[in-house]
Each structure stands twice: as C-alpha cells, then as structure tokens.
Amino acid sequence: MIRNYNPGLLNSSAFDWAILHKGMKQELGEILFTLLRQQYRPVYANDVFVVFSSDRQLPSLSFTSVHVKSLYIDELKYFLNQLAKPFHPLANQLKFRVKQIIRPRN
C-alpha cells in the first residue's frame, strides 16, 4: 500500500488505479494534475474518496459530478490560495496607500 501521494509514482504505467482521499488535500500536491495529464478518469466517488482509473473500458464519472467536482475545486482553491499568500501584505499596503491618496482633504 502506498501511503503518500507522490506524483512521481505515476510516471510508469504500472498503476491501473489511483484512490484519492478527500481529507488529505494538503498531501495531494500535484498528484491530481498528474492523474489528469496521464488521462486517468474518475470511475467512482463518494463523500470521502475519488477513484481514478486508466482503464478505458470502465464507465467514467463526469468531472462535474458532485463528489468529483468537490475534489478538484477544493484542490484548485487551495493551490491558488497558496500562490496568493505572498501577495496579501502587498495588497494590504496598496489598499492603505490608495486610501491615503484619495482621502478628501479638509
């Protein structure tokens, strides 16, 4: 059993399945994007897990289905939030400066 989500493990075609636990979003890293690049498709999903497979004969779930969408939307939000963190202090400073500039003079 593989206990971490190392995207390098999927560089070979040795895996037919990948099971992602939604509660481990921080550990997912780039694994979700690696799965998509390698054309794994969701074949089963519930409140806790999403199962991806490379088997084209299995029926796939829509990426807009409730349980699948929650995985990648939350992962995308987390990723974008991490990218934006360094800019929060800069944005706050910019807001402060703009307020000073446009403040009406008495």
N, C-alpha and C. Protein backbone atom coordinates (compact mmCIF):
# COMPACT_ATOMS: atom_id res chain seq x y z
N MET A 1 0.85 -1.19 0.00
CA MET A 1 0.00 0.00 0.00
C MET A 1 0.89 1.24 0.00
N ILE A 2 0.58 2.17 -0.86
CA ILE A 2 1.30 3.43 -0.93
C ILE A 2 0.61 4.42 0.00
N ARG A 3 1.36 5.00 0.92
CA ARG A 3 0.75 5.86 1.92
C ARG A 3 0.92 7.35 1.63
N ASN A 4 1.69 7.69 0.64
CA ASN A 4 1.80 9.11 0.31
C ASN A 4 1.35 9.32 -1.13
N TYR A 5 1.18 10.56 -1.47
CA TYR A 5 0.73 10.90 -2.82
C TYR A 5 1.89 11.50 -3.59
N ASN A 6 2.82 10.66 -3.99
CA ASN A 6 3.98 11.10 -4.74
C ASN A 6 3.67 11.02 -6.23
N PRO A 7 3.57 12.15 -6.92
CA PRO A 7 3.22 12.12 -8.34
C PRO A 7 4.23 11.37 -9.19
N GLY A 8 5.47 11.27 -8.73
CA GLY A 8 6.48 10.53 -9.47
C GLY A 8 6.16 9.06 -9.61
N LEU A 9 5.37 8.54 -8.70
CA LEU A 9 5.00 7.12 -8.78
C LEU A 9 4.15 6.82 -10.00
N LEU A 10 3.48 7.81 -10.53
CA LEU A 10 2.61 7.60 -11.68
C LEU A 10 3.33 7.77 -13.01
N ASN A 11 4.64 7.97 -12.98
CA ASN A 11 5.37 8.15 -14.23
C ASN A 11 5.47 6.87 -15.04
N SER A 12 5.21 5.75 -14.41
CA SER A 12 5.17 4.50 -15.16
C SER A 12 3.71 4.12 -15.37
N SER A 13 3.50 3.18 -16.23
CA SER A 13 2.12 2.74 -16.48
C SER A 13 1.78 1.53 -15.62
N ALA A 14 2.48 1.36 -14.50
CA ALA A 14 2.29 0.20 -13.65
C ALA A 14 1.00 0.26 -12.84
N PHE A 15 0.38 1.41 -12.77
CA PHE A 15 -0.81 1.56 -11.95
C PHE A 15 -2.05 1.69 -12.82
N ASP A 16 -3.05 0.89 -12.50
CA ASP A 16 -4.34 1.00 -13.19
C ASP A 16 -5.31 1.87 -12.41
N TRP A 17 -5.05 2.03 -11.11
CA TRP A 17 -5.97 2.73 -10.22
C TRP A 17 -5.21 3.74 -9.36
N ALA A 18 -5.89 4.79 -9.00
CA ALA A 18 -5.39 5.74 -8.00
C ALA A 18 -6.59 6.14 -7.15
N ILE A 19 -6.44 6.01 -5.85
CA ILE A 19 -7.52 6.35 -4.92
C ILE A 19 -7.08 7.57 -4.12
N LEU A 20 -7.83 8.65 -4.25
CA LEU A 20 -7.51 9.88 -3.54
C LEU A 20 -8.49 10.09 -2.41
N HIS A 21 -7.96 10.34 -1.23
CA HIS A 21 -8.77 10.61 -0.04
C HIS A 21 -8.97 12.12 0.06
N LYS A 22 -10.21 12.55 0.05
CA LYS A 22 -10.51 13.99 0.04
C LYS A 22 -10.02 14.69 1.31
N GLY A 23 -9.90 13.97 2.40
CA GLY A 23 -9.44 14.57 3.65
C GLY A 23 -7.95 14.85 3.68
N MET A 24 -7.23 14.43 2.65
CA MET A 24 -5.78 14.62 2.61
C MET A 24 -5.40 15.64 1.53
N LYS A 25 -6.19 16.68 1.40
CA LYS A 25 -5.98 17.67 0.33
C LYS A 25 -4.59 18.28 0.34
N GLN A 26 -4.05 18.54 1.53
CA GLN A 26 -2.73 19.17 1.59
C GLN A 26 -1.65 18.23 1.09
N GLU A 27 -1.86 16.92 1.23
CA GLU A 27 -0.87 15.95 0.78
C GLU A 27 -0.99 15.63 -0.70
N LEU A 28 -2.07 16.05 -1.33
CA LEU A 28 -2.28 15.71 -2.74
C LEU A 28 -1.24 16.35 -3.65
N GLY A 29 -0.82 17.56 -3.30
CA GLY A 29 0.17 18.24 -4.13
C GLY A 29 -0.25 18.25 -5.58
N GLU A 30 0.65 17.81 -6.43
CA GLU A 30 0.35 17.85 -7.86
C GLU A 30 -0.18 16.52 -8.38
N ILE A 31 -0.51 15.58 -7.48
CA ILE A 31 -0.96 14.26 -7.93
C ILE A 31 -2.22 14.35 -8.78
N LEU A 32 -3.14 15.20 -8.42
CA LEU A 32 -4.38 15.32 -9.18
C LEU A 32 -4.10 15.76 -10.61
N PHE A 33 -3.22 16.73 -10.77
CA PHE A 33 -2.88 17.22 -12.10
C PHE A 33 -2.09 16.17 -12.89
N THR A 34 -1.27 15.38 -12.19
CA THR A 34 -0.56 14.29 -12.85
C THR A 34 -1.53 13.25 -13.36
N LEU A 35 -2.53 12.93 -12.56
CA LEU A 35 -3.55 11.97 -12.99
C LEU A 35 -4.26 12.45 -14.24
N LEU A 36 -4.61 13.72 -14.27
CA LEU A 36 -5.32 14.27 -15.42
C LEU A 36 -4.43 14.28 -16.67
N ARG A 37 -3.17 14.66 -16.48
CA ARG A 37 -2.24 14.66 -17.62
C ARG A 37 -2.07 13.27 -18.21
N GLN A 38 -2.09 12.27 -17.35
CA GLN A 38 -1.90 10.90 -17.81
C GLN A 38 -3.22 10.23 -18.18
N GLN A 39 -4.25 11.02 -18.28
CA GLN A 39 -5.57 10.59 -18.75
C GLN A 39 -6.24 9.55 -17.86
N TYR A 40 -5.99 9.63 -16.57
CA TYR A 40 -6.79 8.85 -15.63
C TYR A 40 -8.15 9.53 -15.54
N ARG A 41 -9.18 8.74 -15.38
CA ARG A 41 -10.53 9.30 -15.30
C ARG A 41 -11.19 8.84 -14.01
N PRO A 42 -12.05 9.67 -13.42
CA PRO A 42 -12.76 9.22 -12.22
C PRO A 42 -13.78 8.15 -12.59
N VAL A 43 -13.75 7.05 -11.84
CA VAL A 43 -14.69 5.96 -12.12
C VAL A 43 -15.60 5.67 -10.93
N TYR A 44 -15.23 6.20 -9.76
CA TYR A 44 -16.07 6.04 -8.57
C TYR A 44 -15.76 7.19 -7.64
N ALA A 45 -16.78 7.70 -6.95
CA ALA A 45 -16.57 8.78 -5.99
C ALA A 45 -17.67 8.74 -4.94
N ASN A 46 -17.29 9.11 -3.72
CA ASN A 46 -18.27 9.29 -2.65
C ASN A 46 -17.83 10.48 -1.81
N ASP A 47 -18.37 10.61 -0.60
CA ASP A 47 -18.04 11.75 0.26
C ASP A 47 -16.57 11.79 0.66
N VAL A 48 -15.89 10.64 0.64
CA VAL A 48 -14.54 10.53 1.18
C VAL A 48 -13.47 10.30 0.11
N PHE A 49 -13.75 9.48 -0.88
CA PHE A 49 -12.75 9.07 -1.86
C PHE A 49 -13.18 9.39 -3.29
N VAL A 50 -12.17 9.52 -4.15
CA VAL A 50 -12.40 9.50 -5.60
C VAL A 50 -11.41 8.49 -6.17
N VAL A 51 -11.95 7.55 -6.94
CA VAL A 51 -11.12 6.51 -7.55
C VAL A 51 -10.94 6.86 -9.02
N PHE A 52 -9.68 6.91 -9.45
CA PHE A 52 -9.34 7.18 -10.85
C PHE A 52 -8.80 5.90 -11.47
N SER A 53 -9.04 5.74 -12.76
CA SER A 53 -8.53 4.57 -13.47
C SER A 53 -8.05 4.97 -14.86
N SER A 54 -7.08 4.20 -15.34
CA SER A 54 -6.60 4.40 -16.71
C SER A 54 -7.30 3.44 -17.67
N ASP A 55 -8.15 2.58 -17.15
CA ASP A 55 -8.87 1.59 -17.96
C ASP A 55 -9.98 2.27 -18.75
N ARG A 56 -9.86 2.30 -20.05
CA ARG A 56 -10.84 2.97 -20.92
C ARG A 56 -12.15 2.21 -21.05
N GLN A 57 -12.18 0.95 -20.64
CA GLN A 57 -13.40 0.16 -20.76
C GLN A 57 -14.37 0.41 -19.61
N LEU A 58 -13.89 1.04 -18.56
CA LEU A 58 -14.77 1.36 -17.42
C LEU A 58 -15.53 2.65 -17.71
N PRO A 59 -16.79 2.70 -17.31
CA PRO A 59 -17.52 3.97 -17.47
C PRO A 59 -16.95 5.01 -16.51
N SER A 60 -16.79 6.22 -17.00
CA SER A 60 -16.22 7.26 -16.14
C SER A 60 -17.31 8.17 -15.61
N LEU A 61 -16.99 8.83 -14.52
CA LEU A 61 -17.88 9.83 -13.94
C LEU A 61 -17.57 11.18 -14.57
N SER A 62 -18.54 12.03 -14.59
CA SER A 62 -18.34 13.38 -15.08
C SER A 62 -17.51 14.17 -14.06
N PHE A 63 -16.65 15.03 -14.55
CA PHE A 63 -15.88 15.88 -13.65
C PHE A 63 -16.77 16.91 -12.96
N THR A 64 -17.98 17.07 -13.45
CA THR A 64 -18.91 18.00 -12.80
C THR A 64 -19.83 17.31 -11.81
N SER A 65 -19.68 15.99 -11.62
CA SER A 65 -20.49 15.32 -10.61
C SER A 65 -20.09 15.84 -9.23
N VAL A 66 -21.01 15.84 -8.32
CA VAL A 66 -20.82 16.48 -7.01
C VAL A 66 -19.56 16.00 -6.30
N HIS A 67 -19.36 14.70 -6.21
CA HIS A 67 -18.24 14.17 -5.43
C HIS A 67 -16.90 14.34 -6.13
N VAL A 68 -16.88 14.35 -7.44
CA VAL A 68 -15.63 14.55 -8.16
C VAL A 68 -15.27 16.03 -8.17
N LYS A 69 -16.24 16.86 -8.44
CA LYS A 69 -16.01 18.31 -8.52
C LYS A 69 -15.46 18.85 -7.20
N SER A 70 -15.97 18.34 -6.09
CA SER A 70 -15.50 18.84 -4.79
C SER A 70 -14.02 18.58 -4.59
N LEU A 71 -13.50 17.52 -5.17
CA LEU A 71 -12.07 17.22 -5.04
C LEU A 71 -11.22 18.24 -5.79
N TYR A 72 -11.49 18.45 -7.06
CA TYR A 72 -10.60 19.32 -7.81
C TYR A 72 -10.88 20.80 -7.58
N ILE A 73 -12.12 21.18 -7.29
CA ILE A 73 -12.40 22.59 -6.99
C ILE A 73 -11.70 22.98 -5.70
N ASP A 74 -11.81 22.14 -4.67
CA ASP A 74 -11.13 22.44 -3.41
C ASP A 74 -9.62 22.45 -3.59
N GLU A 75 -9.10 21.52 -4.39
CA GLU A 75 -7.65 21.48 -4.63
C GLU A 75 -7.21 22.74 -5.39
N LEU A 76 -7.98 23.16 -6.36
CA LEU A 76 -7.66 24.37 -7.11
C LEU A 76 -7.71 25.61 -6.21
N LYS A 77 -8.72 25.70 -5.36
CA LYS A 77 -8.81 26.82 -4.42
C LYS A 77 -7.60 26.84 -3.49
N TYR A 78 -7.23 25.67 -2.97
CA TYR A 78 -6.07 25.58 -2.07
C TYR A 78 -4.80 26.02 -2.80
N PHE A 79 -4.61 25.54 -4.03
CA PHE A 79 -3.44 25.87 -4.82
C PHE A 79 -3.36 27.38 -5.08
N LEU A 80 -4.47 27.97 -5.49
CA LEU A 80 -4.49 29.41 -5.77
C LEU A 80 -4.26 30.23 -4.50
N ASN A 81 -4.81 29.76 -3.39
CA ASN A 81 -4.61 30.45 -2.11
C ASN A 81 -3.13 30.42 -1.72
N GLN A 82 -2.46 29.29 -1.94
CA GLN A 82 -1.04 29.20 -1.63
C GLN A 82 -0.22 30.14 -2.52
N LEU A 83 -0.61 30.25 -3.78
CA LEU A 83 0.09 31.17 -4.68
C LEU A 83 -0.10 32.62 -4.27
N ALA A 84 -1.28 32.94 -3.75
CA ALA A 84 -1.60 34.33 -3.43
C ALA A 84 -1.06 34.78 -2.08
N LYS A 85 -0.70 33.86 -1.20
CA LYS A 85 -0.26 34.24 0.15
C LYS A 85 0.83 35.30 0.18
N PRO A 86 1.88 35.20 -0.63
CA PRO A 86 2.93 36.23 -0.56
C PRO A 86 2.44 37.62 -0.96
N PHE A 87 1.33 37.70 -1.67
CA PHE A 87 0.85 38.98 -2.15
C PHE A 87 -0.12 39.67 -1.19
N HIS A 88 -0.60 38.95 -0.17
CA HIS A 88 -1.55 39.56 0.77
C HIS A 88 -0.99 40.80 1.46
N PRO A 89 0.23 40.78 2.00
CA PRO A 89 0.76 42.00 2.63
C PRO A 89 0.91 43.14 1.62
N LEU A 90 1.32 42.82 0.41
CA LEU A 90 1.46 43.84 -0.63
C LEU A 90 0.10 44.45 -0.98
N ALA A 91 -0.92 43.61 -1.09
CA ALA A 91 -2.26 44.10 -1.40
C ALA A 91 -2.78 45.00 -0.29
N ASN A 92 -2.54 44.62 0.96
CA ASN A 92 -2.99 45.45 2.08
C ASN A 92 -2.27 46.79 2.10
N GLN A 93 -0.98 46.78 1.81
CA GLN A 93 -0.22 48.03 1.77
C GLN A 93 -0.73 48.91 0.63
N LEU A 94 -1.02 48.32 -0.50
CA LEU A 94 -1.53 49.06 -1.64
C LEU A 94 -2.89 49.70 -1.32
N LYS A 95 -3.77 48.96 -0.67
CA LYS A 95 -5.08 49.50 -0.28
C LYS A 95 -4.90 50.70 0.65
N PHE A 96 -3.97 50.58 1.60
CA PHE A 96 -3.72 51.66 2.54
C PHE A 96 -3.24 52.91 1.79
N ARG A 97 -2.31 52.74 0.86
CA ARG A 97 -1.78 53.87 0.09
C ARG A 97 -2.86 54.52 -0.76
N VAL A 98 -3.68 53.73 -1.40
CA VAL A 98 -4.76 54.27 -2.23
C VAL A 98 -5.72 55.08 -1.38
N LYS A 99 -6.07 54.57 -0.21
CA LYS A 99 -6.97 55.31 0.68
C LYS A 99 -6.36 56.65 1.08
N GLN A 100 -5.04 56.66 1.31
CA GLN A 100 -4.37 57.91 1.66
C GLN A 100 -4.42 58.90 0.49
N ILE A 101 -4.26 58.41 -0.70
CA ILE A 101 -4.22 59.28 -1.88
C ILE A 101 -5.60 59.86 -2.18
N ILE A 102 -6.63 59.05 -2.08
CA ILE A 102 -7.97 59.52 -2.48
C ILE A 102 -8.78 60.09 -1.33
N ARG A 103 -8.20 60.14 -0.14
CA ARG A 103 -8.91 60.70 1.00
C ARG A 103 -9.18 62.19 0.76
N PRO A 104 -10.41 62.61 0.94
CA PRO A 104 -10.72 64.03 0.72
C PRO A 104 -9.98 64.91 1.73
N ARG A 105 -9.49 66.03 1.25
CA ARG A 105 -8.78 66.96 2.13
C ARG A 105 -9.77 67.94 2.73
N ASN A 106 -9.56 68.28 3.94
CA ASN A 106 -10.45 69.22 4.64
C ASN A 106 -9.97 70.64 4.52
